[in-house]
Amino acid sequence: MQATSEPLVPLSKIAALLKQTMGISLHVSTLHRWRTTGVGGRRLTCSRVGGRWYTSLERVQDFIAAGSEGERNVPPPRRRAADAQQQLADRFSL
């Protein structure tokens, strides 16, 4: 884990800081989801101290910037049930 020059802030406070500094409204559960499952193969870097999760505003800004540049790893859209039924009908000549 890389050291950061910015102080660590609880995830519950990061949402308010993002609104003030960047004008971005996020719920704290979004930050936890970025921490656990990530987006496009990237996870938000956080540290756990005494049962609370912390990160820096710099890390969140880097995470948002990394997600907005380059190609995203987005799964293909799901096929609709009707498309699947049609493919089965075509396959078995029904």
Foldseek 3Di string as FASTA:
>chain_A
DDDDPFDKDFLCCLQVVCCVPPVDHDHSVVLVCLQPVNFQPHHQDWDDDPNTIIDGNVSVVVSVVVCVDDDGPDDDDDDDPVVVVVVVCVVVVD
